[in-house]
Amino acid sequence: NPKGAYYCMVELPVEDAEKFAIWLLNDFDLDGETIMVAPGNGFYADSTSGKNQVRIAYVLKKEDLQRSVEILRVALEKYNSI
């Protein structure tokens, strides 16, 4: 059993990852599910860096990770069409 957490910083096709993260939690779901991401700018000393990045935690179950990626894909399509 691995312990601890694994994270990845990713750049998304959004202008403001913080607004996207809030939208994910407040206004989006896919079949009753959503995901939570951490806006990237909070992980940099310079607050203008990471504006379109998020930190994603890797989950241990492959099926959960695959579902999360699908939710993120659909969410990005919808968000960028608004």
PDB file of N, CA and C in Angstrom:
ATOM      1  N   ASN A   1       0.826  -1.196   0.000  1.00  0.00           N
ATOM      2  CA  ASN A   1       0.000   0.000   0.000  1.00  0.00           C
ATOM      3  C   ASN A   1       0.867   1.255   0.000  1.00  0.00           C
ATOM      4  N   PRO A   2       0.896   2.005  -1.099  1.00  0.00           N
ATOM      5  CA  PRO A   2       1.650   3.262  -1.110  1.00  0.00           C
ATOM      6  C   PRO A   2       0.998   4.271  -0.162  1.00  0.00           C
ATOM      7  N   LYS A   3       1.818   5.033   0.509  1.00  0.00           N
ATOM      8  CA  LYS A   3       1.302   6.068   1.411  1.00  0.00           C
ATOM      9  C   LYS A   3       1.776   7.418   0.916  1.00  0.00           C
ATOM     10  N   GLY A   4       1.043   8.450   1.294  1.00  0.00           N
ATOM     11  CA  GLY A   4       1.399   9.789   0.857  1.00  0.00           C
ATOM     12  C   GLY A   4       0.559  10.184  -0.331  1.00  0.00           C
ATOM     13  N   ALA A   5       0.979  11.247  -0.978  1.00  0.00           N
ATOM     14  CA  ALA A   5       0.205  11.771  -2.098  1.00  0.00           C
ATOM     15  C   ALA A   5       1.135  12.097  -3.258  1.00  0.00           C
ATOM     16  N   TYR A   6       0.566  12.017  -4.436  1.00  0.00           N
ATOM     17  CA  TYR A   6       1.291  12.357  -5.649  1.00  0.00           C
ATOM     18  C   TYR A   6       0.507  13.449  -6.362  1.00  0.00           C
ATOM     19  N   TYR A   7       1.215  14.460  -6.826  1.00  0.00           N
ATOM     20  CA  TYR A   7       0.568  15.602  -7.453  1.00  0.00           C
ATOM     21  C   TYR A   7       1.206  15.910  -8.801  1.00  0.00           C
ATOM     22  N   CYS A   8       0.423  16.567  -9.628  1.00  0.00           N
ATOM     23  CA  CYS A   8       0.908  16.987 -10.936  1.00  0.00           C
ATOM     24  C   CYS A   8       0.358  18.389 -11.210  1.00  0.00           C
ATOM     25  N   MET A   9       1.224  19.282 -11.656  1.00  0.00           N
ATOM     26  CA  MET A   9       0.775  20.604 -12.091  1.00  0.00           C
ATOM     27  C   MET A   9       0.526  20.522 -13.587  1.00  0.00           C
ATOM     28  N   VAL A  10      -0.668  20.944 -14.001  1.00  0.00           N
ATOM     29  CA  VAL A  10      -1.000  20.897 -15.427  1.00  0.00           C
ATOM     30  C   VAL A  10      -1.521  22.243 -15.894  1.00  0.00           C
ATOM     31  N   GLU A  11      -1.183  22.568 -17.118  1.00  0.00           N
ATOM     32  CA  GLU A  11      -1.684  23.785 -17.744  1.00  0.00           C
ATOM     33  C   GLU A  11      -2.966  23.433 -18.480  1.00  0.00           C
ATOM     34  N   LEU A  12      -4.012  24.208 -18.251  1.00  0.00           N
ATOM     35  CA  LEU A  12      -5.311  23.967 -18.875  1.00  0.00           C
ATOM     36  C   LEU A  12      -5.617  25.053 -19.896  1.00  0.00           C
ATOM     37  N   PRO A  13      -6.483  24.744 -20.849  1.00  0.00           N
ATOM     38  CA  PRO A  13      -6.882  25.754 -21.838  1.00  0.00           C
ATOM     39  C   PRO A  13      -7.950  26.696 -21.268  1.00  0.00           C
ATOM     40  N   VAL A  14      -7.602  27.369 -20.164  1.00  0.00           N
ATOM     41  CA  VAL A  14      -8.479  28.362 -19.527  1.00  0.00           C
ATOM     42  C   VAL A  14      -7.624  29.573 -19.193  1.00  0.00           C
ATOM     43  N   GLU A  15      -8.264  30.736 -19.104  1.00  0.00           N
ATOM     44  CA  GLU A  15      -7.507  31.945 -18.760  1.00  0.00           C
ATOM     45  C   GLU A  15      -7.260  32.050 -17.262  1.00  0.00           C
ATOM     46  N   ASP A  16      -8.217  31.587 -16.462  1.00  0.00           N
ATOM     47  CA  ASP A  16      -8.131  31.745 -15.012  1.00  0.00           C
ATOM     48  C   ASP A  16      -8.532  30.434 -14.341  1.00  0.00           C
ATOM     49  N   ALA A  17      -7.534  29.695 -13.888  1.00  0.00           N
ATOM     50  CA  ALA A  17      -7.790  28.382 -13.289  1.00  0.00           C
ATOM     51  C   ALA A  17      -8.589  28.480 -11.993  1.00  0.00           C
ATOM     52  N   GLU A  18      -8.449  29.579 -11.270  1.00  0.00           N
ATOM     53  CA  GLU A  18      -9.222  29.729 -10.035  1.00  0.00           C
ATOM     54  C   GLU A  18     -10.714  29.831 -10.348  1.00  0.00           C
ATOM     55  N   LYS A  19     -11.063  30.626 -11.354  1.00  0.00           N
ATOM     56  CA  LYS A  19     -12.474  30.718 -11.757  1.00  0.00           C
ATOM     57  C   LYS A  19     -12.989  29.362 -12.241  1.00  0.00           C
ATOM     58  N   PHE A  20     -12.156  28.632 -12.983  1.00  0.00           N
ATOM     59  CA  PHE A  20     -12.539  27.313 -13.461  1.00  0.00           C
ATOM     60  C   PHE A  20     -12.770  26.355 -12.292  1.00  0.00           C
ATOM     61  N   ALA A  21     -11.884  26.388 -11.301  1.00  0.00           N
ATOM     62  CA  ALA A  21     -12.016  25.512 -10.131  1.00  0.00           C
ATOM     63  C   ALA A  21     -13.309  25.800  -9.371  1.00  0.00           C
ATOM     64  N   ILE A  22     -13.649  27.053  -9.221  1.00  0.00           N
ATOM     65  CA  ILE A  22     -14.895  27.433  -8.542  1.00  0.00           C
ATOM     66  C   ILE A  22     -16.096  26.979  -9.357  1.00  0.00           C
ATOM     67  N   TRP A  23     -16.032  27.169 -10.661  1.00  0.00           N
ATOM     68  CA  TRP A  23     -17.114  26.740 -11.549  1.00  0.00           C
ATOM     69  C   TRP A  23     -17.329  25.232 -11.448  1.00  0.00           C
ATOM     70  N   LEU A  24     -16.221  24.465 -11.419  1.00  0.00           N
ATOM     71  CA  LEU A  24     -16.331  23.013 -11.288  1.00  0.00           C
ATOM     72  C   LEU A  24     -17.151  22.620 -10.064  1.00  0.00           C
ATOM     73  N   LEU A  25     -16.899  23.282  -8.951  1.00  0.00           N
ATOM     74  CA  LEU A  25     -17.573  22.927  -7.702  1.00  0.00           C
ATOM     75  C   LEU A  25     -18.990  23.465  -7.606  1.00  0.00           C
ATOM     76  N   ASN A  26     -19.227  24.636  -8.160  1.00  0.00           N
ATOM     77  CA  ASN A  26     -20.537  25.275  -7.996  1.00  0.00           C
ATOM     78  C   ASN A  26     -21.520  25.013  -9.132  1.00  0.00           C
ATOM     79  N   ASP A  27     -21.021  24.851 -10.346  1.00  0.00           N
ATOM     80  CA  ASP A  27     -21.914  24.880 -11.505  1.00  0.00           C
ATOM     81  C   ASP A  27     -21.810  23.697 -12.454  1.00  0.00           C
ATOM     82  N   PHE A  28     -20.959  22.736 -12.167  1.00  0.00           N
ATOM     83  CA  PHE A  28     -20.771  21.641 -13.117  1.00  0.00           C
ATOM     84  C   PHE A  28     -20.885  20.285 -12.444  1.00  0.00           C
ATOM     85  N   ASP A  29     -21.522  19.352 -13.139  1.00  0.00           N
ATOM     86  CA  ASP A  29     -21.433  17.950 -12.758  1.00  0.00           C
ATOM     87  C   ASP A  29     -21.653  17.102 -14.001  1.00  0.00           C
ATOM     88  N   LEU A  30     -21.125  15.918 -13.963  1.00  0.00           N
ATOM     89  CA  LEU A  30     -21.324  14.931 -15.021  1.00  0.00           C
ATOM     90  C   LEU A  30     -21.936  13.716 -14.340  1.00  0.00           C
ATOM     91  N   ASP A  31     -23.213  13.511 -14.588  1.00  0.00           N
ATOM     92  CA  ASP A  31     -23.948  12.419 -13.951  1.00  0.00           C
ATOM     93  C   ASP A  31     -23.829  12.469 -12.429  1.00  0.00           C
ATOM     94  N   GLY A  32     -23.917  13.685 -11.882  1.00  0.00           N
ATOM     95  CA  GLY A  32     -23.889  13.870 -10.431  1.00  0.00           C
ATOM     96  C   GLY A  32     -22.496  13.899  -9.821  1.00  0.00           C
ATOM     97  N   GLU A  33     -21.444  13.891 -10.643  1.00  0.00           N
ATOM     98  CA  GLU A  33     -20.073  13.904 -10.133  1.00  0.00           C
ATOM     99  C   GLU A  33     -19.314  15.101 -10.691  1.00  0.00           C
ATOM    100  N   THR A  34     -18.381  15.591  -9.897  1.00  0.00           N
ATOM    101  CA  THR A  34     -17.458  16.618 -10.369  1.00  0.00           C
ATOM    102  C   THR A  34     -16.092  16.317  -9.784  1.00  0.00           C
ATOM    103  N   ILE A  35     -15.135  17.164 -10.052  1.00  0.00           N
ATOM    104  CA  ILE A  35     -13.798  17.011  -9.492  1.00  0.00           C
ATOM    105  C   ILE A  35     -13.393  18.317  -8.831  1.00  0.00           C
ATOM    106  N   MET A  36     -12.423  18.216  -7.948  1.00  0.00           N
ATOM    107  CA  MET A  36     -11.892  19.399  -7.287  1.00  0.00           C
ATOM    108  C   MET A  36     -10.411  19.502  -7.643  1.00  0.00           C
ATOM    109  N   VAL A  37     -10.009  20.683  -8.065  1.00  0.00           N
ATOM    110  CA  VAL A  37      -8.606  20.950  -8.399  1.00  0.00           C
ATOM    111  C   VAL A  37      -8.158  22.162  -7.594  1.00  0.00           C
ATOM    112  N   ALA A  38      -6.862  22.271  -7.389  1.00  0.00           N
ATOM    113  CA  ALA A  38      -6.297  23.422  -6.688  1.00  0.00           C
ATOM    114  C   ALA A  38      -5.700  24.381  -7.713  1.00  0.00           C
ATOM    115  N   PRO A  39      -6.146  25.638  -7.748  1.00  0.00           N
ATOM    116  CA  PRO A  39      -5.570  26.606  -8.685  1.00  0.00           C
ATOM    117  C   PRO A  39      -4.054  26.710  -8.496  1.00  0.00           C
ATOM    118  N   GLY A  40      -3.340  26.752  -9.600  1.00  0.00           N
ATOM    119  CA  GLY A  40      -1.885  26.714  -9.555  1.00  0.00           C
ATOM    120  C   GLY A  40      -1.208  27.951  -9.025  1.00  0.00           C
ATOM    121  N   ASN A  41      -1.837  29.116  -9.148  1.00  0.00           N
ATOM    122  CA  ASN A  41      -1.146  30.355  -8.759  1.00  0.00           C
ATOM    123  C   ASN A  41      -0.775  30.386  -7.285  1.00  0.00           C
ATOM    124  N   GLY A  42      -1.464  29.650  -6.450  1.00  0.00           N
ATOM    125  CA  GLY A  42      -1.133  29.617  -5.022  1.00  0.00           C
ATOM    126  C   GLY A  42       0.141  28.856  -4.699  1.00  0.00           C
ATOM    127  N   PHE A  43       0.700  28.162  -5.673  1.00  0.00           N
ATOM    128  CA  PHE A  43       1.907  27.374  -5.451  1.00  0.00           C
ATOM    129  C   PHE A  43       3.169  28.072  -5.956  1.00  0.00           C
ATOM    130  N   TYR A  44       3.027  29.321  -6.386  1.00  0.00           N
ATOM    131  CA  TYR A  44       4.158  30.100  -6.883  1.00  0.00           C
ATOM    132  C   TYR A  44       4.361  31.332  -6.013  1.00  0.00           C
ATOM    133  N   ALA A  45       5.615  31.769  -5.903  1.00  0.00           N
ATOM    134  CA  ALA A  45       5.915  32.987  -5.155  1.00  0.00           C
ATOM    135  C   ALA A  45       5.347  34.208  -5.869  1.00  0.00           C
ATOM    136  N   ASP A  46       5.363  34.180  -7.188  1.00  0.00           N
ATOM    137  CA  ASP A  46       4.833  35.259  -8.008  1.00  0.00           C
ATOM    138  C   ASP A  46       3.375  34.927  -8.325  1.00  0.00           C
ATOM    139  N   SER A  47       2.448  35.719  -7.849  1.00  0.00           N
ATOM    140  CA  SER A  47       1.026  35.392  -7.982  1.00  0.00           C
ATOM    141  C   SER A  47       0.504  35.429  -9.417  1.00  0.00           C
ATOM    142  N   THR A  48       1.298  35.958 -10.351  1.00  0.00           N
ATOM    143  CA  THR A  48       0.861  35.955 -11.745  1.00  0.00           C
ATOM    144  C   THR A  48       1.245  34.655 -12.453  1.00  0.00           C
ATOM    145  N   SER A  49       2.127  33.878 -11.855  1.00  0.00           N
ATOM    146  CA  SER A  49       2.514  32.590 -12.434  1.00  0.00           C
ATOM    147  C   SER A  49       1.451  31.542 -12.122  1.00  0.00           C
ATOM    148  N   GLY A  50       1.298  30.599 -12.999  1.00  0.00           N
ATOM    149  CA  GLY A  50       0.370  29.500 -12.770  1.00  0.00           C
ATOM    150  C   GLY A  50      -1.095  29.854 -12.910  1.00  0.00           C
ATOM    151  N   LYS A  51      -1.393  30.992 -13.523  1.00  0.00           N
ATOM    152  CA  LYS A  51      -2.777  31.451 -13.607  1.00  0.00           C
ATOM    153  C   LYS A  51      -3.678  30.483 -14.378  1.00  0.00           C
ATOM    154  N   ASN A  52      -3.110  29.755 -15.341  1.00  0.00           N
ATOM    155  CA  ASN A  52      -3.924  28.794 -16.087  1.00  0.00           C
ATOM    156  C   ASN A  52      -3.529  27.350 -15.762  1.00  0.00           C
ATOM    157  N   GLN A  53      -2.954  27.152 -14.580  1.00  0.00           N
ATOM    158  CA  GLN A  53      -2.549  25.824 -14.144  1.00  0.00           C
ATOM    159  C   GLN A  53      -3.343  25.387 -12.917  1.00  0.00           C
ATOM    160  N   VAL A  54      -3.453  24.069 -12.776  1.00  0.00           N
ATOM    161  CA  VAL A  54      -4.066  23.496 -11.576  1.00  0.00           C
ATOM    162  C   VAL A  54      -3.172  22.373 -11.065  1.00  0.00           C
ATOM    163  N   ARG A  55      -3.294  22.111  -9.783  1.00  0.00           N
ATOM    164  CA  ARG A  55      -2.600  20.965  -9.197  1.00  0.00           C
ATOM    165  C   ARG A  55      -3.621  19.851  -9.051  1.00  0.00           C
ATOM    166  N   ILE A  56      -3.269  18.695  -9.569  1.00  0.00           N
ATOM    167  CA  ILE A  56      -4.146  17.535  -9.524  1.00  0.00           C
ATOM    168  C   ILE A  56      -3.485  16.477  -8.659  1.00  0.00           C
ATOM    169  N   ALA A  57      -4.261  15.880  -7.761  1.00  0.00           N
ATOM    170  CA  ALA A  57      -3.764  14.780  -6.947  1.00  0.00           C
ATOM    171  C   ALA A  57      -4.036  13.473  -7.671  1.00  0.00           C
ATOM    172  N   TYR A  58      -3.033  12.625  -7.712  1.00  0.00           N
ATOM    173  CA  TYR A  58      -3.226  11.292  -8.281  1.00  0.00           C
ATOM    174  C   TYR A  58      -3.960  10.437  -7.251  1.00  0.00           C
ATOM    175  N   VAL A  59      -4.929   9.706  -7.709  1.00  0.00           N
ATOM    176  CA  VAL A  59      -5.648   8.795  -6.822  1.00  0.00           C
ATOM    177  C   VAL A  59      -5.108   7.389  -7.046  1.00  0.00           C
ATOM    178  N   LEU A  60      -5.282   6.544  -6.056  1.00  0.00           N
ATOM    179  CA  LEU A  60      -4.668   5.221  -6.117  1.00  0.00           C
ATOM    180  C   LEU A  60      -5.446   4.227  -6.964  1.00  0.00           C
ATOM    181  N   LYS A  61      -6.741   4.418  -7.090  1.00  0.00           N
ATOM    182  CA  LYS A  61      -7.523   3.482  -7.891  1.00  0.00           C
ATOM    183  C   LYS A  61      -7.558   3.938  -9.344  1.00  0.00           C
ATOM    184  N   LYS A  62      -7.111   3.073 -10.233  1.00  0.00           N
ATOM    185  CA  LYS A  62      -7.046   3.387 -11.657  1.00  0.00           C
ATOM    186  C   LYS A  62      -8.401   3.832 -12.197  1.00  0.00           C
ATOM    187  N   GLU A  63      -9.469   3.169 -11.792  1.00  0.00           N
ATOM    188  CA  GLU A  63     -10.807   3.496 -12.277  1.00  0.00           C
ATOM    189  C   GLU A  63     -11.211   4.915 -11.866  1.00  0.00           C
ATOM    190  N   ASP A  64     -10.860   5.320 -10.649  1.00  0.00           N
ATOM    191  CA  ASP A  64     -11.182   6.672 -10.180  1.00  0.00           C
ATOM    192  C   ASP A  64     -10.414   7.715 -10.981  1.00  0.00           C
ATOM    193  N   LEU A  65      -9.158   7.433 -11.272  1.00  0.00           N
ATOM    194  CA  LEU A  65      -8.345   8.361 -12.059  1.00  0.00           C
ATOM    195  C   LEU A  65      -8.902   8.487 -13.475  1.00  0.00           C
ATOM    196  N   GLN A  66      -9.285   7.366 -14.083  1.00  0.00           N
ATOM    197  CA  GLN A  66      -9.851   7.407 -15.426  1.00  0.00           C
ATOM    198  C   GLN A  66     -11.155   8.200 -15.439  1.00  0.00           C
ATOM    199  N   ARG A  67     -11.999   8.010 -14.439  1.00  0.00           N
ATOM    200  CA  ARG A  67     -13.269   8.746 -14.363  1.00  0.00           C
ATOM    201  C   ARG A  67     -12.994  10.240 -14.187  1.00  0.00           C
ATOM    202  N   SER A  68     -12.028  10.583 -13.363  1.00  0.00           N
ATOM    203  CA  SER A  68     -11.695  11.998 -13.131  1.00  0.00           C
ATOM    204  C   SER A  68     -11.222  12.676 -14.409  1.00  0.00           C
ATOM    205  N   VAL A  69     -10.425  11.981 -15.194  1.00  0.00           N
ATOM    206  CA  VAL A  69      -9.947  12.542 -16.465  1.00  0.00           C
ATOM    207  C   VAL A  69     -11.119  12.754 -17.415  1.00  0.00           C
ATOM    208  N   GLU A  70     -12.054  11.828 -17.442  1.00  0.00           N
ATOM    209  CA  GLU A  70     -13.242  11.992 -18.294  1.00  0.00           C
ATOM    210  C   GLU A  70     -14.071  13.184 -17.841  1.00  0.00           C
ATOM    211  N   ILE A  71     -14.261  13.342 -16.546  1.00  0.00           N
ATOM    212  CA  ILE A  71     -15.016  14.489 -16.013  1.00  0.00           C
ATOM    213  C   ILE A  71     -14.304  15.789 -16.384  1.00  0.00           C
ATOM    214  N   LEU A  72     -12.984  15.823 -16.245  1.00  0.00           N
ATOM    215  CA  LEU A  72     -12.224  17.024 -16.597  1.00  0.00           C
ATOM    216  C   LEU A  72     -12.359  17.336 -18.081  1.00  0.00           C
ATOM    217  N   ARG A  73     -12.293  16.333 -18.933  1.00  0.00           N
ATOM    218  CA  ARG A  73     -12.429  16.544 -20.378  1.00  0.00           C
ATOM    219  C   ARG A  73     -13.771  17.181 -20.720  1.00  0.00           C
ATOM    220  N   VAL A  74     -14.849  16.622 -20.193  1.00  0.00           N
ATOM    221  CA  VAL A  74     -16.184  17.143 -20.467  1.00  0.00           C
ATOM    222  C   VAL A  74     -16.333  18.552 -19.874  1.00  0.00           C
ATOM    223  N   ALA A  75     -15.818  18.758 -18.675  1.00  0.00           N
ATOM    224  CA  ALA A  75     -15.915  20.063 -18.026  1.00  0.00           C
ATOM    225  C   ALA A  75     -15.212  21.135 -18.854  1.00  0.00           C
ATOM    226  N   LEU A  76     -14.021  20.837 -19.351  1.00  0.00           N
ATOM    227  CA  LEU A  76     -13.272  21.816 -20.161  1.00  0.00           C
ATOM    228  C   LEU A  76     -14.032  22.145 -21.451  1.00  0.00           C
ATOM    229  N   GLU A  77     -14.615  21.145 -22.074  1.00  0.00           N
ATOM    230  CA  GLU A  77     -15.397  21.399 -23.293  1.00  0.00           C
ATOM    231  C   GLU A  77     -16.558  22.329 -22.990  1.00  0.00           C
ATOM    232  N   LYS A  78     -17.271  22.054 -21.919  1.00  0.00           N
ATOM    233  CA  LYS A  78     -18.423  22.874 -21.568  1.00  0.00           C
ATOM    234  C   LYS A  78     -18.000  24.278 -21.153  1.00  0.00           C
ATOM    235  N   TYR A  79     -16.987  24.375 -20.296  1.00  0.00           N
ATOM    236  CA  TYR A  79     -16.527  25.672 -19.791  1.00  0.00           C
ATOM    237  C   TYR A  79     -16.073  26.567 -20.932  1.00  0.00           C
ATOM    238  N   ASN A  80     -15.348  26.015 -21.881  1.00  0.00           N
ATOM    239  CA  ASN A  80     -14.828  26.818 -22.997  1.00  0.00           C
ATOM    240  C   ASN A  80     -15.874  27.121 -24.048  1.00  0.00           C
ATOM    241  N   SER A  81     -17.066  26.559 -23.913  1.00  0.00           N
ATOM    242  CA  SER A  81     -18.142  26.879 -24.862  1.00  0.00           C
ATOM    243  C   SER A  81     -19.132  27.900 -24.294  1.00  0.00           C
ATOM    244  N   ILE A  82     -18.893  28.299 -23.052  1.00  0.00           N
ATOM    245  CA  ILE A  82     -19.783  29.276 -22.393  1.00  0.00           C
ATOM    246  C   ILE A  82     -19.507  30.661 -22.930  1.00  0.00           C
TER     247      ILE A  82
END
